[in-house]
Amino acid sequence: MTAFPTRRLRRLRGTSALRRLSAEHHLVPSQLVLPVFVKEGIAASQPIGSMPGVSQHPLEKIAEVVDEAAAAGIGGVMLFGVPASRNAVGSGATDPDGILNRAIAVAKDAAAGRLTVQADLCLDEFTDHGHCGVLAADGTVDNDATLPIYAAMGVAQARAGADILGLSGMMDGQVAAVRAALDEAGFAHVAILAYSAKYASAFYGPFRDAVESTLDGDRRTYQMDPANAREGIEEALFDIAEGADVVMVKPAMPYLDVLARVSDRSSVPVWAYQVSGEYAMIEHAASAGLIDRERAIDESLLGIRRAGADVILTYWAIEVAGWLRAGKELS
């Protein structure tokens, strides 16, 4: 008598219905957040060459972008400002009439409660040297001198209408400083998303095109060393202790191990940012005919979810939300 295996794991893979039923992880539109670039002084949206399908938008276009995102059912938009002028202390970041703060107000009105309006809280887009903080006399980033500016920036963004502030500068103590400022100013309801494990990564390259970065040098003295994983967990735990409502791992795919470990230890939601380089690699490989674009996108997002991300920032948010609503099977 032939001995047949009694346990056949492939039984639950035989049809699309069985695969859907037995899937351990799922994506839904509300788990996706769309990064949005708003540029001062332009009259029409401008494509970003290194990021096919992504554009810088004028302020006048933001309401339309937000309306499209809300209609797609995604969880939010994360706004990044590209100012017309910059200076050493990034004063445009705290100016109520600065491009980012004006965009927040427009987005908040357009969202009308249908999604969350999130804002990047960092000085790199506003400084003429491109660093995330102000510089000391010796040219290094002055952590402690930067914190009061972050606090003022947080209050300005909250006053403009932001629901969630994305603290991405990787300054020690930034969460505590911004939380205290928000609470004192009457914005205790505004949430803080801490970019806790943010690595000094080569995968940010296309993003620097998107925000027209003026950076000379690198950010290795304050962003994390790619060799370190335990440190990422410590960063997240410190931020939670200081009052972070959500913690972030960034980039996503090269740091799935860190994401999984942070998710295991965190008492608050854990998000991940599928950054510009991750996006660009798939887009350019697909355009060269090397991979199936839609399957690669879906697989990459499922991998991030499987590692422990509750929410993913991705430039494909609206497109993928459409696939999900249509019940499209890709992976």
Protein backbone atom coordinates (compact mmCIF):
# COMPACT_ATOMS: atom_id res chain seq x y z
CA MET A 1 0.00 0.00 0.00
CA THR A 2 1.30 3.43 -0.92
CA ALA A 3 1.82 5.70 2.09
CA PHE A 4 0.27 9.08 1.37
CA PRO A 5 0.97 12.11 3.55
CA THR A 6 -1.91 12.80 5.93
CA ARG A 7 -0.87 16.43 6.41
CA ARG A 8 -0.92 18.41 3.19
CA LEU A 9 -0.26 22.10 3.80
CA ARG A 10 -1.00 22.92 0.18
CA ARG A 11 -4.69 21.98 0.59
CA LEU A 12 -5.42 25.56 1.67
CA ARG A 13 -3.63 27.02 -1.38
CA GLY A 14 -5.67 25.36 -4.10
CA THR A 15 -8.05 28.20 -5.00
CA SER A 16 -8.18 31.94 -4.57
CA ALA A 17 -11.10 31.53 -2.16
CA LEU A 18 -9.10 29.13 0.00
CA ARG A 19 -6.08 31.43 -0.06
CA ARG A 20 -8.20 34.40 1.04
CA LEU A 21 -9.80 32.36 3.80
CA SER A 22 -6.51 31.09 5.21
CA ALA A 23 -4.43 34.26 4.80
CA GLU A 24 -2.75 35.22 8.06
CA HIS A 25 -2.35 38.89 7.19
CA HIS A 26 -4.44 41.32 5.17
CA LEU A 27 -4.21 44.85 3.86
CA VAL A 28 -7.11 47.27 4.11
CA PRO A 29 -7.15 50.85 2.79
CA SER A 30 -7.36 52.39 6.27
CA GLN A 31 -3.91 50.94 7.04
CA LEU A 32 -2.28 53.06 4.32
CA VAL A 33 -1.04 56.66 4.50
CA LEU A 34 -0.06 58.72 1.45
CA PRO A 35 2.99 61.03 1.63
CA VAL A 36 2.21 64.31 -0.18
CA PHE A 37 4.68 67.00 -1.29
CA VAL A 38 3.49 70.61 -1.45
CA LYS A 39 5.79 73.10 -3.14
CA GLU A 40 5.63 76.84 -2.77
CA GLY A 41 5.60 79.00 -5.88
CA ILE A 42 4.46 76.57 -8.56
CA ALA A 43 1.24 76.81 -10.56
CA ALA A 44 0.79 73.14 -11.49
CA SER A 45 1.86 69.73 -10.21
CA GLN A 46 5.42 68.79 -11.19
CA PRO A 47 6.44 65.13 -11.69
CA ILE A 48 9.45 63.93 -9.69
CA GLY A 49 11.79 62.27 -12.16
CA SER A 50 13.26 59.72 -9.76
CA MET A 51 9.82 58.69 -8.47
CA PRO A 52 7.56 57.76 -11.42
CA GLY A 53 3.95 58.61 -10.69
CA VAL A 54 4.74 60.98 -7.78
CA SER A 55 4.58 64.79 -8.04
CA GLN A 56 5.18 67.97 -6.11
CA HIS A 57 1.88 69.83 -5.82
CA PRO A 58 1.02 73.51 -5.56
CA LEU A 59 -0.99 74.59 -2.54
CA GLU A 60 -4.04 75.01 -4.77
CA LYS A 61 -3.95 71.28 -5.64
CA ILE A 62 -3.85 69.95 -2.08
CA ALA A 63 -7.61 69.93 -1.52
CA GLU A 64 -8.03 67.79 -4.66
CA VAL A 65 -5.30 65.37 -3.57
CA VAL A 66 -6.83 65.02 -0.12
CA ASP A 67 -10.30 64.50 -1.55
CA GLU A 68 -9.00 61.70 -3.79
CA ALA A 69 -7.23 60.10 -0.83
CA ALA A 70 -10.35 60.31 1.32
CA ALA A 71 -12.49 58.82 -1.43
CA ALA A 72 -10.03 55.92 -1.66
CA GLY A 73 -10.63 55.19 2.01
CA ILE A 74 -7.00 55.43 3.12
CA GLY A 75 -6.13 56.34 6.68
CA GLY A 76 -4.37 59.64 6.14
CA VAL A 77 -2.00 61.92 4.27
CA MET A 78 1.46 62.93 5.48
CA LEU A 79 2.37 66.42 4.28
CA PHE A 80 5.89 67.58 3.43
CA GLY A 81 6.66 71.21 2.57
CA VAL A 82 9.04 72.49 -0.10
CA PRO A 83 9.54 76.21 0.64
CA ALA A 84 10.67 78.86 -1.82
CA SER A 85 13.39 80.09 0.54
CA ARG A 86 15.38 78.59 3.40
CA ASN A 87 17.69 79.83 6.12
CA ALA A 88 20.04 78.51 8.80
CA VAL A 89 17.33 78.05 11.46
CA GLY A 90 14.49 76.92 9.20
CA SER A 91 12.18 79.74 10.23
CA GLY A 92 9.64 78.79 7.57
CA ALA A 93 8.79 75.72 9.64
CA THR A 94 7.33 77.75 12.50
CA ASP A 95 5.83 80.58 10.41
CA PRO A 96 2.01 80.29 10.38
CA ASP A 97 2.16 81.48 6.78
CA GLY A 98 4.83 78.95 5.82
CA ILE A 99 3.97 76.56 3.02
CA LEU A 100 3.59 73.48 5.22
CA ASN A 101 1.36 75.15 7.78
CA ARG A 102 -0.85 76.61 5.06
CA ALA A 103 -1.07 73.18 3.44
CA ILE A 104 -2.14 71.62 6.74
CA ALA A 105 -5.02 74.07 7.01
CA VAL A 106 -6.15 73.40 3.44
CA ALA A 107 -5.88 69.63 3.92
CA LYS A 108 -7.77 69.72 7.19
CA ASP A 109 -10.65 71.58 5.59
CA ALA A 110 -10.71 69.25 2.58
CA ALA A 111 -10.51 66.11 4.71
CA ALA A 112 -13.60 67.06 6.73
CA GLY A 113 -12.91 64.23 9.16
CA ARG A 114 -12.71 61.53 6.47
CA LEU A 115 -9.01 60.86 7.05
CA THR A 116 -6.22 62.08 9.31
CA VAL A 117 -4.05 65.03 8.36
CA GLN A 118 -0.45 64.37 9.32
CA ALA A 119 2.53 66.70 9.05
CA ASP A 120 6.25 66.09 8.92
CA LEU A 121 7.93 67.78 11.87
CA CYS A 122 11.56 68.28 10.93
CA LEU A 123 13.75 71.18 9.84
CA ASP A 124 15.56 69.57 6.93
CA GLU A 125 13.17 70.92 4.29
CA PHE A 126 13.47 74.43 5.74
CA THR A 127 17.18 74.84 6.46
CA ASP A 128 19.67 76.06 3.88
CA HIS A 129 22.19 73.46 5.05
CA GLY A 130 19.68 70.60 4.80
CA HIS A 131 20.17 69.17 8.27
CA CYS A 132 17.30 68.23 10.58
CA GLY A 133 18.41 70.64 13.30
CA VAL A 134 20.23 73.93 13.78
CA LEU A 135 24.02 73.89 13.63
CA ALA A 136 26.50 74.67 16.38
CA ALA A 137 29.53 76.90 15.76
CA ASP A 138 31.62 73.85 14.83
CA GLY A 139 29.12 72.78 12.16
CA THR A 140 27.64 69.86 14.07
CA VAL A 141 23.90 69.51 14.64
CA ASP A 142 22.99 71.03 18.02
CA ASN A 143 20.46 68.63 19.51
CA ASP A 144 19.39 70.73 22.49
CA ALA A 145 19.18 74.02 20.59
CA THR A 146 16.90 72.31 18.07
CA LEU A 147 14.33 71.09 20.61
CA PRO A 148 12.68 74.49 21.29
CA ILE A 149 12.27 74.97 17.52
CA TYR A 150 10.63 71.56 17.22
CA ALA A 151 8.31 72.51 20.08
CA ALA A 152 7.31 75.74 18.32
CA MET A 153 6.89 73.88 15.04
CA GLY A 154 4.64 71.35 16.73
CA VAL A 155 2.38 74.05 18.15
CA ALA A 156 2.24 75.81 14.76
CA GLN A 157 1.23 72.57 13.03
CA ALA A 158 -1.36 71.78 15.67
CA ARG A 159 -2.78 75.27 15.39
CA ALA A 160 -3.02 74.83 11.61
CA GLY A 161 -5.12 71.69 12.17
CA ALA A 162 -2.81 68.68 12.07
CA ASP A 163 -4.19 65.54 13.71
CA ILE A 164 -0.84 63.74 13.94
CA LEU A 165 2.67 65.21 14.05
CA GLY A 166 5.40 63.08 12.46
CA LEU A 167 8.55 63.76 14.46
CA SER A 168 11.22 62.64 12.01
CA GLY A 169 14.31 64.60 13.07
CA MET A 170 15.88 61.99 15.39
CA MET A 171 16.85 64.51 18.05
CA ASP A 172 17.15 63.05 21.54
CA GLY A 173 14.27 64.30 23.70
CA GLN A 174 12.17 65.55 20.79
CA VAL A 175 9.02 63.69 21.84
CA ALA A 176 9.11 65.04 25.38
CA ALA A 177 9.75 68.60 24.16
CA VAL A 178 6.92 68.59 21.62
CA ARG A 179 4.47 66.81 23.93
CA ALA A 180 5.04 69.37 26.69
CA ALA A 181 4.61 72.27 24.26
CA LEU A 182 1.41 70.83 22.80
CA ASP A 183 -0.14 70.19 26.19
CA GLU A 184 0.76 73.65 27.47
CA ALA A 185 -0.71 75.29 24.36
CA GLY A 186 -4.02 73.43 24.69
CA PHE A 187 -3.36 70.73 22.08
CA ALA A 188 -3.37 67.67 24.31
CA HIS A 189 -5.58 65.95 21.73
CA VAL A 190 -2.94 66.10 18.96
CA ALA A 191 -1.10 62.79 18.53
CA ILE A 192 2.64 62.27 18.12
CA LEU A 193 4.09 59.80 15.64
CA ALA A 194 7.74 59.30 16.54
CA TYR A 195 10.11 58.21 13.80
CA SER A 196 11.91 56.19 16.47
CA ALA A 197 14.08 53.78 14.49
CA LYS A 198 15.02 55.98 11.56
CA TYR A 199 18.17 54.76 9.88
CA ALA A 200 20.83 56.71 7.99
CA SER A 201 19.85 55.03 4.75
CA ALA A 202 20.80 55.17 1.09
CA PHE A 203 17.13 54.47 0.29
CA TYR A 204 16.15 58.11 0.89
CA GLY A 205 17.77 59.30 -2.32
CA PRO A 206 14.65 60.00 -4.42
CA PHE A 207 12.95 61.70 -1.45
CA ARG A 208 15.74 64.26 -1.43
CA ASP A 209 14.80 65.07 -5.02
CA ALA A 210 11.18 65.43 -3.93
CA VAL A 211 11.95 67.99 -1.22
CA GLU A 212 14.86 69.55 -3.16
CA SER A 213 17.23 68.84 -0.30
CA THR A 214 20.20 71.15 0.17
CA LEU A 215 22.06 68.65 2.35
CA ASP A 216 25.85 68.67 2.12
CA GLY A 217 27.24 65.63 3.90
CA ASP A 218 25.13 63.07 5.74
CA ARG A 219 23.02 62.56 8.85
CA ARG A 220 24.90 59.66 10.41
CA THR A 221 25.54 61.48 13.69
CA TYR A 222 21.83 61.51 14.55
CA GLN A 223 20.09 58.94 12.35
CA MET A 224 20.70 55.31 13.25
CA ASP A 225 23.54 53.07 12.12
CA PRO A 226 22.22 50.35 9.75
CA ALA A 227 24.27 47.78 11.70
CA ASN A 228 22.21 48.23 14.88
CA ALA A 229 18.94 46.52 15.76
CA ARG A 230 18.80 46.55 19.58
CA GLU A 231 19.31 50.29 19.49
CA GLY A 232 16.16 50.66 17.40
CA ILE A 233 14.14 48.96 20.10
CA GLU A 234 15.66 51.24 22.74
CA GLU A 235 14.82 54.32 20.64
CA ALA A 236 11.19 53.21 20.39
CA LEU A 237 10.92 52.49 24.11
CA PHE A 238 12.42 55.89 24.98
CA ASP A 239 9.92 57.63 22.71
CA ILE A 240 7.00 55.72 24.20
CA ALA A 241 8.17 56.72 27.69
CA GLU A 242 8.29 60.37 26.56
CA GLY A 243 4.69 60.27 25.32
CA ALA A 244 4.71 59.02 21.73
CA ASP A 245 1.31 57.74 20.62
CA VAL A 246 2.78 55.80 17.67
CA VAL A 247 6.33 54.73 16.83
CA MET A 248 7.87 54.28 13.39
CA VAL A 249 10.53 52.16 11.72
CA LYS A 250 12.02 53.72 8.58
CA PRO A 251 12.91 52.46 5.97
CA ALA A 252 10.71 49.39 5.98
CA MET A 253 11.98 46.52 3.81
CA PRO A 254 15.70 46.62 4.75
CA TYR A 255 14.69 46.74 8.45
CA LEU A 256 11.90 44.16 8.72
CA ASP A 257 13.79 42.48 11.56
CA VAL A 258 13.80 45.73 13.53
CA LEU A 259 10.13 46.27 12.74
CA ALA A 260 9.26 42.82 14.06
CA ARG A 261 11.24 43.32 17.26
CA VAL A 262 9.80 46.76 17.91
CA SER A 263 6.30 45.41 17.29
CA ASP A 264 6.89 42.65 19.83
CA ARG A 265 7.95 45.15 22.50
CA SER A 266 5.76 48.17 21.81
CA SER A 267 2.71 49.10 23.86
CA VAL A 268 1.58 51.57 21.19
CA PRO A 269 0.85 51.15 17.45
CA VAL A 270 3.89 50.58 15.22
CA TRP A 271 4.03 52.07 11.74
CA ALA A 272 6.53 51.69 8.91
CA TYR A 273 7.51 53.97 6.03
CA GLN A 274 8.03 52.32 2.64
CA VAL A 275 10.48 54.99 1.55
CA SER A 276 11.24 56.56 -1.80
CA GLY A 277 14.09 54.21 -2.69
CA GLU A 278 11.94 51.15 -2.06
CA TYR A 279 9.25 52.66 -4.26
CA ALA A 280 11.66 53.66 -7.01
CA MET A 281 13.38 50.27 -7.18
CA ILE A 282 10.12 48.47 -7.86
CA GLU A 283 8.89 51.08 -10.34
CA HIS A 284 12.11 51.12 -12.33
CA ALA A 285 12.53 47.33 -12.26
CA ALA A 286 8.94 46.91 -13.45
CA SER A 287 9.39 49.47 -16.22
CA ALA A 288 12.40 47.45 -17.41
CA GLY A 289 10.23 44.35 -17.59
CA LEU A 290 12.14 42.58 -14.81
CA ILE A 291 9.29 42.02 -12.35
CA ASP A 292 5.50 41.96 -12.21
CA ARG A 293 4.80 45.46 -10.88
CA GLU A 294 1.46 44.86 -9.16
CA ARG A 295 2.50 41.59 -7.54
CA ALA A 296 5.77 43.14 -6.33
CA ILE A 297 3.93 46.08 -4.79
CA ASP A 298 1.44 43.81 -3.05
CA GLU A 299 4.14 41.43 -1.83
CA SER A 300 6.26 44.25 -0.47
CA LEU A 301 3.35 45.70 1.50
CA LEU A 302 2.27 42.31 2.85
CA GLY A 303 5.83 41.68 3.99
CA ILE A 304 5.80 44.92 5.96
CA ARG A 305 2.44 44.04 7.50
CA ARG A 306 3.64 40.52 8.32
CA ALA A 307 6.67 41.93 10.14
CA GLY A 308 4.37 43.87 12.45
CA ALA A 309 3.40 47.22 10.94
CA ASP A 310 -0.08 48.37 11.90
CA VAL A 311 0.01 51.16 9.28
CA ILE A 312 2.26 51.73 6.25
CA LEU A 313 3.22 55.03 4.67
CA THR A 314 3.49 54.30 0.95
CA TYR A 315 3.43 56.27 -2.28
CA TRP A 316 1.13 53.59 -3.70
CA ALA A 317 -1.56 54.19 -1.04
CA ILE A 318 -4.34 55.38 -3.34
CA GLU A 319 -3.60 52.89 -6.11
CA VAL A 320 -3.41 49.93 -3.74
CA ALA A 321 -6.59 51.03 -1.96
CA GLY A 322 -8.35 50.81 -5.33
CA TRP A 323 -7.08 47.26 -5.82
CA LEU A 324 -8.26 46.27 -2.36
CA ARG A 325 -11.74 47.72 -2.88
CA ALA A 326 -11.97 45.79 -6.15
CA GLY A 327 -11.01 42.52 -4.45
CA LYS A 328 -8.02 42.06 -6.71
CA GLU A 329 -5.79 39.07 -5.95
CA LEU A 330 -2.15 39.74 -6.68
CA SER A 331 0.25 37.75 -4.51
